[in-house]
Amino acid sequence: MFSGIIESLGTVRARTPGRIAIASHTRFEHVEIGESIAVNGACLTVAAISDDGFTADVIPETWQRTTLGDLSDGATVNLERALRLGDRVGGHMVSGHVDGTGIVTVLREDANARWVTVATPDDLIELVAEKGSIAVDGISLTVVDVFEAAFTVSLIPVTLAATVAGAWRVGTRVNLEVDLIARYVARTLAARDGSTVLATAARQG
């Protein structure tokens, strides 16, 4: 479990079909094999440790569902280690299980803020709520507006400087994780509706 507060940037050192090696710009203390680190919001398991970073396993599902497959050697990524019991949660509860990807379509400067519009798949936009939380590339953000197929967020200077958000451009593909509560409420309602349909069909049959 994560909070969406990025701890450090990292640099992709190498990619192989089943692994990715990353150098952290800030040294992580006491990293252990088997622990979880979110890379651009995708929860990965540490498989090996080096002096300046780590190597993580990446399964085909993760390559396909996230933007990790787009990364080239030298790319910059967001890093966050998993929460420990008792840690302060400065963002919102993030699982690191990416739901899908979106595309940055509009960037607009507004005094010290940068507004970002992200085109979002139909099955995800239904779970995005105005003033709700969403993780974009692992960054905990507050949704400003929701449209038919997109949402907007407003980024402060600290976020732009400390995360990969400062490098987003129109056309950038980003990882999206919707709010956990919205996800499970939707699944519960869908299951209930499905059960209602089956029960009605059984009675009519």
Protein backbone atom coordinates (compact mmCIF):
# COMPACT_ATOMS: atom_id res chain seq x y z
CA MET A 1 0.00 0.00 0.00
CA PHE A 2 1.22 3.50 -0.88
CA SER A 3 0.10 7.10 -0.32
CA GLY A 4 0.89 8.71 -3.66
CA ILE A 5 3.54 10.99 -2.16
CA ILE A 6 6.63 10.50 -4.32
CA GLU A 7 9.80 9.90 -2.30
CA SER A 8 12.38 10.14 -5.05
CA LEU A 9 12.93 10.24 -8.76
CA GLY A 10 14.80 7.40 -10.38
CA THR A 11 16.51 6.60 -13.67
CA VAL A 12 15.91 3.47 -15.72
CA ARG A 13 19.28 1.77 -16.16
CA ALA A 14 18.24 -1.30 -18.12
CA ARG A 15 15.19 -3.28 -19.22
CA THR A 16 14.93 -6.96 -20.01
CA PRO A 17 11.76 -8.92 -20.87
CA GLY A 18 11.13 -9.78 -17.22
CA ARG A 19 12.95 -7.12 -15.24
CA ILE A 20 13.71 -3.43 -14.92
CA ALA A 21 16.77 -1.93 -13.20
CA ILE A 22 16.43 1.52 -11.64
CA ALA A 23 18.89 3.88 -9.97
CA SER A 24 17.29 6.04 -7.28
CA HIS A 25 18.28 9.71 -7.13
CA THR A 26 17.84 9.56 -3.35
CA ARG A 27 19.41 6.63 -1.53
CA PHE A 28 16.82 4.33 0.02
CA GLU A 29 17.96 2.87 3.34
CA HIS A 30 17.47 -0.80 4.22
CA VAL A 31 15.81 -1.91 1.01
CA GLU A 32 15.11 -5.63 1.15
CA ILE A 33 14.54 -8.22 -1.54
CA GLY A 34 10.83 -8.93 -1.76
CA GLU A 35 9.63 -5.49 -0.69
CA SER A 36 7.37 -3.36 -2.86
CA ILE A 37 8.31 -0.12 -4.59
CA ALA A 38 5.91 1.82 -6.82
CA VAL A 39 7.48 2.87 -10.12
CA ASN A 40 5.32 5.51 -11.82
CA GLY A 41 2.50 4.13 -9.70
CA ALA A 42 2.99 0.47 -10.58
CA CYS A 43 3.78 -1.74 -7.58
CA LEU A 44 6.90 -3.81 -8.32
CA THR A 45 8.70 -6.40 -6.21
CA VAL A 46 12.41 -5.89 -5.55
CA ALA A 47 14.37 -8.84 -6.92
CA ALA A 48 17.93 -7.53 -6.51
CA ILE A 49 19.65 -4.61 -4.77
CA SER A 50 22.58 -2.49 -5.96
CA ASP A 51 24.53 0.35 -4.37
CA ASP A 52 22.42 3.00 -6.07
CA GLY A 53 19.12 1.28 -6.69
CA PHE A 54 17.30 -1.96 -7.33
CA THR A 55 16.07 -4.40 -9.94
CA ALA A 56 12.43 -5.47 -9.97
CA ASP A 57 10.49 -8.25 -11.65
CA VAL A 58 7.90 -7.15 -14.21
CA ILE A 59 5.36 -9.68 -15.45
CA PRO A 60 3.69 -9.45 -18.91
CA GLU A 61 0.41 -8.15 -17.41
CA THR A 62 2.28 -5.19 -15.91
CA TRP A 63 4.12 -4.38 -19.15
CA GLN A 64 0.80 -4.43 -21.03
CA ARG A 65 -1.42 -2.55 -18.56
CA THR A 66 1.00 0.23 -17.61
CA THR A 67 3.38 2.65 -19.30
CA LEU A 68 6.45 0.77 -18.06
CA GLY A 69 6.79 -0.79 -21.48
CA ASP A 70 7.21 2.71 -22.95
CA LEU A 71 10.26 3.49 -20.84
CA SER A 72 13.69 3.55 -22.44
CA ASP A 73 17.09 3.44 -20.76
CA GLY A 74 17.70 6.82 -19.10
CA ALA A 75 14.02 7.60 -18.58
CA THR A 76 13.05 9.32 -15.32
CA VAL A 77 10.45 7.69 -13.08
CA ASN A 78 8.60 8.37 -9.82
CA LEU A 79 9.50 6.13 -6.88
CA GLU A 80 7.66 5.44 -3.63
CA ARG A 81 8.36 2.70 -1.10
CA ALA A 82 5.44 0.87 0.49
CA LEU A 83 3.93 2.36 3.63
CA ARG A 84 4.70 1.00 7.07
CA LEU A 85 2.18 0.86 9.89
CA GLY A 86 2.26 4.19 11.67
CA ASP A 87 3.48 6.18 8.63
CA ARG A 88 1.80 9.50 7.91
CA VAL A 89 -0.46 9.27 4.85
CA GLY A 90 -0.08 12.61 3.11
CA GLY A 91 -1.97 11.70 -0.06
CA HIS A 92 -4.58 8.94 -0.26
CA MET A 93 -4.55 5.16 -0.07
CA VAL A 94 -2.99 3.84 -3.29
CA SER A 95 -2.63 0.13 -4.03
CA GLY A 96 -0.08 0.37 -6.82
CA HIS A 97 -2.36 -1.72 -9.04
CA VAL A 98 -2.69 0.41 -12.18
CA ASP A 99 -6.19 0.34 -13.66
CA GLY A 100 -5.20 1.62 -17.09
CA THR A 101 -3.52 4.49 -18.90
CA GLY A 102 -4.57 7.95 -20.02
CA ILE A 103 -3.19 10.57 -22.40
CA VAL A 104 -2.30 14.15 -21.49
CA THR A 105 -4.28 16.31 -23.93
CA VAL A 106 -4.10 19.86 -22.55
CA LEU A 107 -1.58 21.79 -20.44
CA ARG A 108 -2.46 25.27 -19.20
CA GLU A 109 -0.48 27.63 -16.97
CA ASP A 110 -2.46 29.53 -14.32
CA ALA A 111 -0.27 31.73 -12.08
CA ASN A 112 1.73 29.23 -10.01
CA ALA A 113 -0.38 26.23 -11.06
CA ARG A 114 -0.39 24.03 -14.14
CA TRP A 115 -3.72 22.57 -15.22
CA VAL A 116 -3.53 19.17 -16.86
CA THR A 117 -6.31 17.43 -18.78
CA VAL A 118 -6.04 13.65 -19.12
CA ALA A 119 -8.09 11.69 -21.66
CA THR A 120 -9.37 8.60 -19.87
CA PRO A 121 -10.84 5.26 -21.03
CA ASP A 122 -14.63 4.90 -20.73
CA ASP A 123 -14.45 2.14 -18.12
CA LEU A 124 -12.32 4.33 -15.83
CA ILE A 125 -13.86 7.77 -16.25
CA GLU A 126 -17.04 6.42 -14.64
CA LEU A 127 -15.02 5.90 -11.45
CA VAL A 128 -13.49 9.40 -11.37
CA ALA A 129 -15.27 11.95 -9.17
CA GLU A 130 -14.95 15.73 -8.99
CA LYS A 131 -12.87 16.66 -5.91
CA GLY A 132 -12.06 12.97 -5.48
CA SER A 133 -8.60 11.43 -5.49
CA ILE A 134 -6.73 9.77 -8.35
CA ALA A 135 -3.16 8.53 -8.76
CA VAL A 136 -1.48 9.64 -11.99
CA ASP A 137 1.94 8.05 -12.52
CA GLY A 138 1.72 7.24 -8.82
CA ILE A 139 1.14 10.86 -7.75
CA SER A 140 -1.80 11.47 -5.43
CA LEU A 141 -3.85 14.23 -7.05
CA THR A 142 -7.24 15.86 -6.52
CA VAL A 143 -9.62 15.84 -9.47
CA VAL A 144 -10.83 19.33 -10.39
CA ASP A 145 -13.30 18.61 -13.20
CA VAL A 146 -14.69 15.47 -14.82
CA PHE A 147 -15.89 15.36 -18.41
CA GLU A 148 -17.33 12.64 -20.61
CA ALA A 149 -13.95 11.14 -21.44
CA ALA A 150 -11.39 13.16 -19.47
CA PHE A 151 -10.59 14.83 -16.16
CA THR A 152 -8.44 17.74 -15.06
CA VAL A 153 -6.02 18.22 -12.18
CA SER A 154 -4.11 21.30 -11.04
CA LEU A 155 -0.46 20.87 -10.11
CA ILE A 156 1.50 22.98 -7.63
CA PRO A 157 5.19 23.91 -8.14
CA VAL A 158 6.43 21.33 -5.61
CA THR A 159 4.74 18.51 -7.52
CA LEU A 160 6.11 19.76 -10.83
CA ALA A 161 9.64 19.93 -9.43
CA ALA A 162 9.70 16.69 -7.43
CA THR A 163 7.93 14.28 -9.82
CA VAL A 164 7.80 13.34 -13.49
CA ALA A 165 4.69 15.54 -13.81
CA GLY A 166 6.97 18.45 -14.65
CA ALA A 167 7.98 16.63 -17.84
CA TRP A 168 4.47 15.75 -19.00
CA ARG A 169 3.69 17.07 -22.46
CA VAL A 170 0.64 16.84 -24.69
CA GLY A 171 0.59 13.23 -25.84
CA THR A 172 2.34 11.81 -22.75
CA ARG A 173 0.82 8.48 -21.71
CA VAL A 174 0.34 8.17 -17.92
CA ASN A 175 -0.62 5.43 -15.50
CA LEU A 176 -3.98 5.81 -13.78
CA GLU A 177 -5.26 4.29 -10.55
CA VAL A 178 -8.75 5.31 -9.51
CA ASP A 179 -9.74 5.78 -5.88
CA LEU A 180 -9.94 2.45 -4.05
CA ILE A 181 -13.33 3.24 -2.53
CA ALA A 182 -14.82 4.10 -5.93
CA ARG A 183 -13.43 0.91 -7.41
CA TYR A 184 -14.89 -1.40 -4.78
CA VAL A 185 -18.24 0.40 -4.57
CA ALA A 186 -18.58 0.01 -8.35
CA ARG A 187 -17.73 -3.67 -8.19
CA THR A 188 -20.15 -4.25 -5.34
CA LEU A 189 -22.96 -2.50 -7.19
CA ALA A 190 -22.20 -4.40 -10.39
CA ALA A 191 -22.25 -7.71 -8.51
CA ARG A 192 -25.53 -6.76 -6.81
CA ASP A 193 -27.10 -5.76 -10.12
CA GLY A 194 -25.90 -9.00 -11.68
CA SER A 195 -27.41 -11.01 -8.83
CA THR A 196 -30.69 -9.10 -9.23
CA VAL A 197 -30.79 -9.89 -12.94
CA LEU A 198 -30.11 -13.57 -12.30
CA ALA A 199 -32.74 -13.73 -9.55
CA THR A 200 -35.32 -12.07 -11.80
CA ALA A 201 -34.52 -14.44 -14.63
CA ALA A 202 -34.84 -17.42 -12.28
CA ARG A 203 -38.25 -16.26 -11.07
CA GLN A 204 -39.45 -15.68 -14.61
CA GLY A 205 -38.09 -19.02 -15.76
